[in-house]
Amino acid sequence: MVYPVGLTSYLNAAQLLRATFGWGTAGAASPLSAIPVLAITPATLPGAGNVSPQAQTQALTGLVDYARQLAEAAAPLKLTSSGNVWKRMTVSTSAPSGVTGTALPGAAPATYTLNVTSVAVAQVNLGRSLTSSATTGLAPGTYTFALTVNGTTRNISFTVSAGATEQTVLNNMARAINAAGAGVTAAVANDLTTGTSRLSITAAATGTAGSFSLADVTGNAVAYTGANTVATPAANASYTLSGVPYSSASNTVYLQGGLVQLKLLAPVTGATVTVGYDQGAVTQAVSNFVSAYNNLVLYVQQNQNYLAPGLGTMFREAYRNQAPFLRQAGITMNASGTLNLDQAALSQALSVNRSTVEQALAGPGGLAVTAGNLAQTVATSPLNAYAAPTVWAWPVYNATVAVSGWLPNLTFWPGALLNLWA
């Protein structure tokens, strides 16, 4: 009868009897020399192998990392995730040089026709050019002028020192305007070619509501610098949206309670503005998910000696539960258990039957939900939770023996593994 015994030397098969029956110890009968060894051959036990604890720890650490990546890739596809891709909306236009737009989650699909006659512009004043390095023509002293923006007036003062250059005077005047926080921004434009400088003042807001004016109160700084010269007058945007005329001080148009925003860039006629689901966000999220799924499945296959059996099967079952609908969306499973994604088929499915794709991936039992939750469990469990069962890897031999003497007809049945070493 064949009895598998873990031995350091297969020639010492009689140790089996010593360990089992106490032969060779005080009071034991029958000499061991009476046990004839008929045959001894190496045995192979299923699952036995030299598994390094360090290698297994490394494999488990890698498993956690790949599981975390899959859980993160699945999150945007889950309906329970904030900002999931199924709620994302986008705005497309037939005239992107004239109008662009964005949409927030919750916006409804819609189509608009837009005609823009003019866009809103901010007022710009440009003063006269003065020789930058020349001594200013303003007398030393304090100058005060009134700045009026949308009906509100502020008096602003600055000082001119003796011998100051024109550029210094303009710089001081610009700093005083900016410090007032009156809704305009002043700067000095320097022309290095001509060696001249001039004051530039721009309204902070577009539209006629942001128009402004300057007037001297004490001294003649405004008149001398030409600061009140309007180069670009303020103007409101003028447009029609689906046949309804509008005028706006801003080039930002809010629709659907602010969920849709359009940005007017230039005059345009007959532009079509479409608010729809962000199909690109979904296809990119699915692509990221498939990539992370495949990385984990392949990793589990490559490290199966170190990882719990059946782990890969659980992820494959997540696909099989929705297989018919996933195949319609261009997501198929290869023989290896990895997934293949047909981007064109996915885009087509999203256009024709978006709800079916959504349910197959994000609904109850959907692939992204099931695989993502499983990956999250793996990633957050103790490191050894998914380790392969420990198997002793001592040399093992089959010893066929015949026993006679005081214990006749003794039979050694297979199935017990004794790890004996001397």
Protein backbone atom coordinates (compact mmCIF):
# COMPACT_ATOMS: atom_id res chain seq x y z
CA MET A 1 0.00 0.00 0.00
CA VAL A 2 1.30 3.51 -0.80
CA TYR A 3 1.54 5.92 2.15
CA PRO A 4 2.78 9.51 1.52
CA VAL A 5 5.29 10.50 4.16
CA GLY A 6 7.26 13.77 4.49
CA LEU A 7 10.88 12.64 4.95
CA THR A 8 14.28 14.26 4.78
CA SER A 9 15.66 10.97 3.54
CA TYR A 10 13.43 8.54 1.71
CA LEU A 11 15.75 5.67 2.76
CA ASN A 12 14.55 6.16 6.34
CA ALA A 13 10.95 5.16 5.65
CA ALA A 14 10.84 3.10 8.83
CA GLN A 15 10.57 6.39 10.79
CA LEU A 16 6.88 6.28 9.89
CA LEU A 17 6.38 3.31 12.18
CA ARG A 18 8.52 4.80 14.91
CA ALA A 19 6.51 8.02 14.88
CA THR A 20 3.15 6.27 14.60
CA PHE A 21 3.48 3.28 16.93
CA GLY A 22 6.40 4.18 19.15
CA TRP A 23 8.58 1.33 17.91
CA GLY A 24 12.11 1.76 19.07
CA THR A 25 11.05 3.49 22.29
CA ALA A 26 11.06 1.95 25.77
CA GLY A 27 8.62 -0.96 25.99
CA ALA A 28 7.99 -1.12 22.25
CA ALA A 29 8.10 -4.52 20.57
CA SER A 30 9.29 -5.81 17.17
CA PRO A 31 12.66 -4.70 15.77
CA LEU A 32 12.56 -2.17 12.96
CA SER A 33 14.96 -4.33 11.02
CA ALA A 34 12.08 -6.74 10.46
CA ILE A 35 10.28 -4.19 8.29
CA PRO A 36 11.15 -4.78 4.65
CA VAL A 37 10.88 -1.66 2.42
CA LEU A 38 9.58 -2.84 -0.94
CA ALA A 39 9.51 0.45 -2.90
CA ILE A 40 10.12 4.16 -2.28
CA THR A 41 9.37 6.78 -4.94
CA PRO A 42 9.00 10.61 -4.86
CA ALA A 43 5.40 11.82 -4.49
CA THR A 44 3.77 15.04 -5.71
CA LEU A 45 1.06 16.66 -3.61
CA PRO A 46 -1.44 19.04 -5.26
CA GLY A 47 -0.64 22.66 -4.45
CA ALA A 48 2.73 21.91 -2.91
CA GLY A 49 5.52 24.27 -3.86
CA ASN A 50 8.17 26.55 -2.47
CA VAL A 51 6.14 29.70 -1.66
CA SER A 52 8.29 32.46 -0.27
CA PRO A 53 6.53 34.55 2.41
CA GLN A 54 8.22 37.63 0.99
CA ALA A 55 7.01 36.84 -2.52
CA GLN A 56 3.47 36.26 -1.27
CA THR A 57 3.47 39.57 0.61
CA GLN A 58 4.66 41.32 -2.52
CA ALA A 59 1.94 39.66 -4.57
CA LEU A 60 -0.75 40.64 -2.07
CA THR A 61 0.51 44.23 -1.97
CA GLY A 62 0.28 44.36 -5.75
CA LEU A 63 -3.24 42.92 -5.61
CA VAL A 64 -4.35 45.70 -3.26
CA ASP A 65 -2.86 48.33 -5.57
CA TYR A 66 -4.57 46.97 -8.70
CA ALA A 67 -7.85 46.56 -6.80
CA ARG A 68 -7.66 50.16 -5.64
CA GLN A 69 -7.11 51.31 -9.22
CA LEU A 70 -10.16 49.36 -10.39
CA ALA A 71 -12.33 50.73 -7.58
CA GLU A 72 -11.29 54.27 -8.52
CA ALA A 73 -11.96 53.64 -12.22
CA ALA A 74 -15.40 52.21 -11.45
CA ALA A 75 -16.48 55.13 -9.24
CA PRO A 76 -17.34 57.61 -12.05
CA LEU A 77 -19.61 54.97 -13.61
CA LYS A 78 -21.66 54.40 -10.44
CA LEU A 79 -24.97 56.26 -10.24
CA THR A 80 -24.41 56.74 -6.51
CA SER A 81 -21.17 58.66 -7.07
CA SER A 82 -21.38 62.43 -6.97
CA GLY A 83 -20.52 63.84 -10.36
CA ASN A 84 -20.90 60.49 -12.09
CA VAL A 85 -20.47 60.59 -15.87
CA TRP A 86 -24.07 59.65 -16.56
CA LYS A 87 -25.20 63.05 -15.26
CA ARG A 88 -22.61 65.10 -17.10
CA MET A 89 -23.90 67.35 -19.83
CA THR A 90 -22.14 69.19 -22.63
CA VAL A 91 -22.85 72.08 -24.99
CA SER A 92 -21.94 71.94 -28.66
CA THR A 93 -22.37 74.72 -31.19
CA SER A 94 -22.27 74.98 -34.96
CA ALA A 95 -20.25 78.21 -34.66
CA PRO A 96 -17.59 77.71 -31.94
CA SER A 97 -15.79 80.89 -32.98
CA GLY A 98 -18.92 82.87 -32.15
CA VAL A 99 -20.34 81.06 -29.14
CA THR A 100 -19.26 78.35 -26.71
CA GLY A 101 -21.02 76.87 -23.71
CA THR A 102 -20.98 74.64 -20.67
CA ALA A 103 -23.69 72.69 -18.86
CA LEU A 104 -23.94 71.52 -15.27
CA PRO A 105 -25.38 68.18 -14.09
CA GLY A 106 -29.15 68.44 -14.06
CA ALA A 107 -29.42 70.39 -17.30
CA ALA A 108 -31.97 69.08 -19.76
CA PRO A 109 -31.19 68.17 -23.37
CA ALA A 110 -32.24 71.06 -25.61
CA THR A 111 -31.50 72.80 -28.91
CA TYR A 112 -31.42 76.58 -29.46
CA THR A 113 -30.93 78.86 -32.46
CA LEU A 114 -28.72 81.87 -31.77
CA ASN A 115 -28.10 85.11 -33.66
CA VAL A 116 -25.59 87.57 -32.18
CA THR A 117 -25.68 91.11 -33.56
CA SER A 118 -22.99 92.47 -31.24
CA VAL A 119 -21.11 91.35 -28.16
CA ALA A 120 -20.77 93.34 -24.96
CA VAL A 121 -17.58 95.38 -24.66
CA ALA A 122 -15.95 97.29 -21.85
CA GLN A 123 -15.12 100.99 -22.15
CA VAL A 124 -11.48 101.81 -22.74
CA ASN A 125 -9.92 105.30 -22.43
CA LEU A 126 -6.54 106.10 -23.91
CA GLY A 127 -4.69 109.30 -22.92
CA ARG A 128 -2.39 111.27 -25.15
CA SER A 129 1.15 110.12 -25.82
CA LEU A 130 3.78 111.93 -23.75
CA THR A 131 7.55 111.68 -24.05
CA SER A 132 8.43 109.22 -21.31
CA SER A 133 11.71 110.74 -20.16
CA ALA A 134 10.73 114.42 -20.54
CA THR A 135 10.04 116.55 -17.48
CA THR A 136 6.31 116.82 -16.96
CA GLY A 137 4.45 119.97 -17.89
CA LEU A 138 2.39 119.75 -14.71
CA ALA A 139 3.44 122.01 -11.87
CA PRO A 140 4.49 120.38 -8.60
CA GLY A 141 1.61 119.86 -6.17
CA THR A 142 -1.48 117.76 -5.42
CA TYR A 143 -4.01 117.06 -8.14
CA THR A 144 -7.56 115.84 -7.60
CA PHE A 145 -9.99 114.53 -10.19
CA ALA A 146 -13.43 112.91 -10.13
CA LEU A 147 -13.95 109.39 -11.44
CA THR A 148 -17.57 108.46 -12.10
CA VAL A 149 -18.51 104.81 -12.76
CA ASN A 150 -22.14 103.88 -13.41
CA GLY A 151 -23.35 107.02 -11.64
CA THR A 152 -21.08 106.73 -8.59
CA THR A 153 -18.37 109.41 -8.22
CA ARG A 154 -15.10 109.21 -6.28
CA ASN A 155 -12.51 111.96 -5.87
CA ILE A 156 -8.98 110.71 -6.41
CA SER A 157 -5.78 112.60 -5.60
CA PHE A 158 -2.10 112.15 -6.39
CA THR A 159 1.06 114.26 -6.09
CA VAL A 160 3.43 115.60 -8.74
CA SER A 161 7.00 116.24 -7.57
CA ALA A 162 9.31 118.87 -8.96
CA GLY A 163 11.31 117.58 -11.92
CA ALA A 164 9.19 114.42 -12.30
CA THR A 165 9.14 112.82 -15.75
CA GLU A 166 5.98 112.29 -17.74
CA GLN A 167 6.19 108.55 -17.16
CA THR A 168 6.50 109.04 -13.40
CA VAL A 169 3.43 111.28 -13.36
CA LEU A 170 1.40 108.75 -15.37
CA ASN A 171 2.54 105.92 -13.08
CA ASN A 172 1.47 107.86 -9.98
CA MET A 173 -1.89 108.72 -11.53
CA ALA A 174 -2.52 105.06 -12.51
CA ARG A 175 -1.64 103.83 -9.00
CA ALA A 176 -4.06 106.33 -7.46
CA ILE A 177 -6.89 105.17 -9.74
CA ASN A 178 -6.28 101.48 -8.99
CA ALA A 179 -6.10 102.13 -5.25
CA ALA A 180 -9.57 103.68 -5.34
CA GLY A 181 -11.19 100.36 -6.30
CA ALA A 182 -13.75 102.21 -8.37
CA GLY A 183 -14.45 99.49 -10.96
CA VAL A 184 -11.78 100.47 -13.50
CA THR A 185 -8.20 99.41 -14.05
CA ALA A 186 -5.46 101.86 -15.06
CA ALA A 187 -2.10 101.09 -16.62
CA VAL A 188 0.67 102.96 -18.41
CA ALA A 189 1.31 101.85 -21.98
CA ASN A 190 4.93 102.42 -22.96
CA ASP A 191 6.03 102.54 -26.61
CA LEU A 192 9.74 101.74 -26.61
CA THR A 193 10.02 102.55 -30.32
CA THR A 194 8.80 106.13 -30.00
CA GLY A 195 9.85 106.60 -26.38
CA THR A 196 6.36 107.68 -25.36
CA SER A 197 3.90 106.76 -22.62
CA ARG A 198 0.15 107.08 -22.31
CA LEU A 199 -2.50 106.31 -19.72
CA SER A 200 -4.89 103.40 -20.41
CA ILE A 201 -8.05 103.00 -18.33
CA THR A 202 -10.41 100.03 -18.79
CA ALA A 203 -13.75 99.32 -17.16
CA ALA A 204 -13.84 96.17 -15.06
CA ALA A 205 -17.24 95.19 -16.47
CA THR A 206 -18.57 94.98 -19.98
CA GLY A 207 -21.74 96.78 -21.04
CA THR A 208 -23.03 100.30 -20.62
CA ALA A 209 -23.45 99.78 -16.89
CA GLY A 210 -19.66 99.85 -16.61
CA SER A 211 -19.15 103.13 -18.48
CA PHE A 212 -17.07 105.80 -16.71
CA SER A 213 -15.78 109.39 -17.01
CA LEU A 214 -13.04 111.53 -15.45
CA ALA A 215 -13.07 115.29 -14.67
CA ASP A 216 -10.57 117.61 -13.02
CA VAL A 217 -11.43 118.90 -9.55
CA THR A 218 -8.14 120.52 -8.48
CA GLY A 219 -5.52 121.12 -11.16
CA ASN A 220 -5.60 119.93 -14.74
CA ALA A 221 -4.17 116.39 -14.65
CA VAL A 222 -7.08 114.86 -16.58
CA ALA A 223 -6.96 117.49 -19.29
CA TYR A 224 -3.16 117.35 -19.53
CA THR A 225 -2.94 113.56 -19.80
CA GLY A 226 -6.08 113.16 -21.93
CA ALA A 227 -7.34 110.52 -19.49
CA ASN A 228 -10.99 111.16 -20.37
CA THR A 229 -10.55 110.31 -24.05
CA VAL A 230 -12.81 107.35 -24.92
CA ALA A 231 -11.15 104.93 -27.31
CA THR A 232 -13.75 102.13 -27.05
CA PRO A 233 -17.22 103.00 -25.81
CA ALA A 234 -19.11 100.58 -23.56
CA ALA A 235 -21.76 98.48 -25.30
CA ASN A 236 -24.23 95.77 -24.42
CA ALA A 237 -24.55 92.43 -26.19
CA SER A 238 -27.45 92.20 -28.59
CA TYR A 239 -28.75 88.77 -29.65
CA THR A 240 -31.80 86.62 -30.30
CA LEU A 241 -32.24 83.15 -28.83
CA SER A 242 -34.74 80.92 -30.61
CA GLY A 243 -36.39 84.04 -32.01
CA VAL A 244 -36.57 86.04 -28.75
CA PRO A 245 -34.48 89.27 -28.66
CA TYR A 246 -32.22 90.07 -25.71
CA SER A 247 -29.79 92.76 -24.59
CA SER A 248 -27.18 92.05 -21.95
CA ALA A 249 -24.32 93.92 -20.28
CA SER A 250 -22.47 90.60 -20.11
CA ASN A 251 -21.39 88.15 -22.78
CA THR A 252 -22.42 85.28 -20.51
CA VAL A 253 -25.93 84.02 -21.19
CA TYR A 254 -27.62 81.86 -18.54
CA LEU A 255 -30.24 79.29 -19.51
CA GLN A 256 -32.26 76.67 -17.61
CA GLY A 257 -31.88 78.48 -14.31
CA GLY A 258 -28.12 78.80 -14.67
CA LEU A 259 -27.48 75.13 -15.45
CA VAL A 260 -26.49 76.09 -19.01
CA GLN A 261 -24.08 78.94 -19.71
CA LEU A 262 -23.26 80.37 -23.12
CA LYS A 263 -20.30 82.62 -23.85
CA LEU A 264 -20.80 85.10 -26.70
CA LEU A 265 -17.53 85.65 -28.55
CA ALA A 266 -18.40 87.37 -31.82
CA PRO A 267 -21.37 88.25 -34.06
CA VAL A 268 -22.90 85.13 -35.60
CA THR A 269 -25.99 84.26 -37.61
CA GLY A 270 -28.09 81.08 -37.34
CA ALA A 271 -25.84 79.22 -34.90
CA THR A 272 -27.27 75.97 -33.49
CA VAL A 273 -26.58 75.38 -29.80
CA THR A 274 -27.18 71.84 -28.54
CA VAL A 275 -27.29 70.76 -24.90
CA GLY A 276 -26.83 67.01 -24.57
CA TYR A 277 -25.34 64.19 -22.53
CA ASP A 278 -21.57 64.17 -22.37
CA GLN A 279 -21.02 61.00 -24.38
CA GLY A 280 -17.27 61.57 -24.46
CA ALA A 281 -17.09 61.49 -20.65
CA VAL A 282 -18.91 58.14 -20.57
CA THR A 283 -16.77 56.49 -23.25
CA GLN A 284 -13.58 57.69 -21.55
CA ALA A 285 -14.77 56.41 -18.17
CA VAL A 286 -15.66 53.02 -19.67
CA SER A 287 -12.26 52.85 -21.36
CA ASN A 288 -10.51 53.62 -18.06
CA PHE A 289 -12.61 50.99 -16.29
CA VAL A 290 -11.89 48.27 -18.86
CA SER A 291 -8.17 49.00 -18.67
CA ALA A 292 -8.15 48.79 -14.86
CA TYR A 293 -10.31 45.63 -14.93
CA ASN A 294 -7.94 43.91 -17.37
CA ASN A 295 -4.88 44.91 -15.35
CA LEU A 296 -6.34 43.30 -12.24
CA VAL A 297 -7.51 40.11 -13.98
CA LEU A 298 -4.10 39.59 -15.60
CA TYR A 299 -2.33 40.27 -12.33
CA VAL A 300 -4.45 37.68 -10.53
CA GLN A 301 -3.67 35.11 -13.24
CA GLN A 302 0.07 35.82 -13.09
CA ASN A 303 0.14 35.48 -9.29
CA GLN A 304 -2.33 32.65 -8.77
CA ASN A 305 0.18 30.66 -6.69
CA TYR A 306 0.10 33.40 -4.06
CA LEU A 307 -3.54 34.48 -4.17
CA ALA A 308 -6.77 32.87 -3.02
CA PRO A 309 -8.29 30.55 -5.64
CA GLY A 310 -11.49 31.75 -7.25
CA LEU A 311 -10.65 35.45 -7.04
CA GLY A 312 -10.48 35.82 -10.80
CA THR A 313 -13.72 33.90 -11.17
CA MET A 314 -15.58 36.44 -9.04
CA PHE A 315 -14.61 39.25 -11.40
CA ARG A 316 -15.55 37.19 -14.45
CA GLU A 317 -18.97 36.51 -12.91
CA ALA A 318 -19.51 40.26 -12.59
CA TYR A 319 -19.34 40.42 -16.40
CA ARG A 320 -21.43 37.31 -17.07
CA ASN A 321 -24.34 38.73 -15.07
CA GLN A 322 -24.77 41.49 -17.67
CA ALA A 323 -23.10 39.81 -20.67
CA PRO A 324 -25.94 40.14 -23.24
CA PHE A 325 -26.36 43.86 -22.63
CA LEU A 326 -22.63 44.52 -22.38
CA ARG A 327 -22.02 42.84 -25.72
CA GLN A 328 -24.58 45.18 -27.28
CA ALA A 329 -22.51 48.06 -25.89
CA GLY A 330 -19.32 46.73 -27.48
CA ILE A 331 -17.90 45.22 -24.28
CA THR A 332 -16.99 41.56 -24.75
CA MET A 333 -14.97 39.06 -22.72
CA ASN A 334 -11.93 37.29 -24.13
CA ALA A 335 -11.06 33.67 -23.37
CA SER A 336 -8.47 34.92 -20.88
CA GLY A 337 -11.16 36.68 -18.85
CA THR A 338 -10.06 40.13 -19.92
CA LEU A 339 -12.44 42.57 -21.59
CA ASN A 340 -12.40 44.01 -25.08
CA LEU A 341 -13.95 47.42 -25.79
CA ASP A 342 -15.27 48.46 -29.19
CA GLN A 343 -15.41 52.26 -28.93
CA ALA A 344 -17.52 52.67 -32.05
CA ALA A 345 -20.08 50.13 -30.84
CA LEU A 346 -20.21 51.80 -27.43
CA SER A 347 -20.79 55.23 -28.96
CA GLN A 348 -23.53 53.83 -31.16
CA ALA A 349 -25.20 52.12 -28.21
CA LEU A 350 -25.09 55.32 -26.17
CA SER A 351 -26.75 57.21 -29.02
CA VAL A 352 -29.46 54.61 -29.67
CA ASN A 353 -30.21 53.12 -26.25
CA ARG A 354 -28.33 54.97 -23.55
CA SER A 355 -30.49 53.65 -20.70
CA THR A 356 -29.61 50.02 -21.48
CA VAL A 357 -25.90 50.77 -21.42
CA GLU A 358 -26.33 52.69 -18.18
CA GLN A 359 -28.14 49.80 -16.51
CA ALA A 360 -25.63 47.21 -17.71
CA LEU A 361 -22.77 49.18 -16.19
CA ALA A 362 -24.25 51.28 -13.41
CA GLY A 363 -27.57 49.71 -12.50
CA PRO A 364 -28.13 47.13 -9.73
CA GLY A 365 -25.79 44.24 -10.55
CA GLY A 366 -24.11 46.30 -13.25
CA LEU A 367 -20.54 45.47 -14.18
CA ALA A 368 -18.99 48.69 -12.84
CA VAL A 369 -20.99 48.43 -9.61
CA THR A 370 -20.28 44.75 -8.92
CA ALA A 371 -16.63 44.74 -9.98
CA GLY A 372 -16.03 48.10 -8.35
CA ASN A 373 -17.49 47.00 -5.02
CA LEU A 374 -15.53 43.74 -5.12
CA ALA A 375 -12.33 45.65 -5.89
CA GLN A 376 -13.05 48.04 -3.02
CA THR A 377 -13.48 45.10 -0.67
CA VAL A 378 -10.18 43.59 -1.78
CA ALA A 379 -8.38 46.93 -1.49
CA THR A 380 -9.62 47.61 2.04
CA SER A 381 -9.40 44.10 3.52
CA PRO A 382 -6.44 42.91 5.63
CA LEU A 383 -3.45 42.13 3.44
CA ASN A 384 -3.62 38.36 3.95
CA ALA A 385 -7.38 38.10 3.43
CA TYR A 386 -6.89 36.96 -0.17
CA ALA A 387 -3.73 34.90 0.33
CA ALA A 388 -3.48 31.37 -1.03
CA PRO A 389 -3.81 28.63 1.63
CA THR A 390 -0.45 27.74 3.23
CA VAL A 391 1.01 24.38 2.07
CA TRP A 392 4.04 22.73 3.67
CA ALA A 393 6.67 22.15 1.03
CA TRP A 394 8.89 19.49 2.61
CA PRO A 395 10.16 16.67 0.31
CA VAL A 396 7.50 13.93 0.15
CA TYR A 397 7.87 10.30 -0.87
CA ASN A 398 5.64 7.30 -1.44
CA ALA A 399 6.84 4.37 0.71
CA THR A 400 5.46 0.89 -0.02
CA VAL A 401 6.20 -1.39 2.93
CA ALA A 402 5.28 -4.88 4.08
CA VAL A 403 4.87 -5.53 7.79
CA SER A 404 5.06 -8.92 9.48
CA GLY A 405 5.78 -10.23 12.94
CA TRP A 406 3.92 -9.45 16.04
CA LEU A 407 1.57 -6.99 14.15
CA PRO A 408 0.50 -9.04 11.13
CA ASN A 409 -1.56 -7.79 8.22
CA LEU A 410 -0.89 -4.08 9.06
CA THR A 411 -1.99 -1.85 6.21
CA PHE A 412 -0.95 1.86 5.73
CA TRP A 413 -3.74 3.74 4.01
CA PRO A 414 -3.00 6.84 1.91
CA GLY A 415 -4.36 10.25 2.76
CA ALA A 416 -2.40 11.19 5.89
CA LEU A 417 0.64 13.42 5.51
CA LEU A 418 3.27 13.20 8.23
CA ASN A 419 6.01 15.80 8.03
CA LEU A 420 8.91 14.02 9.67
CA TRP A 421 12.43 15.23 9.63
CA ALA A 422 15.53 14.24 11.57
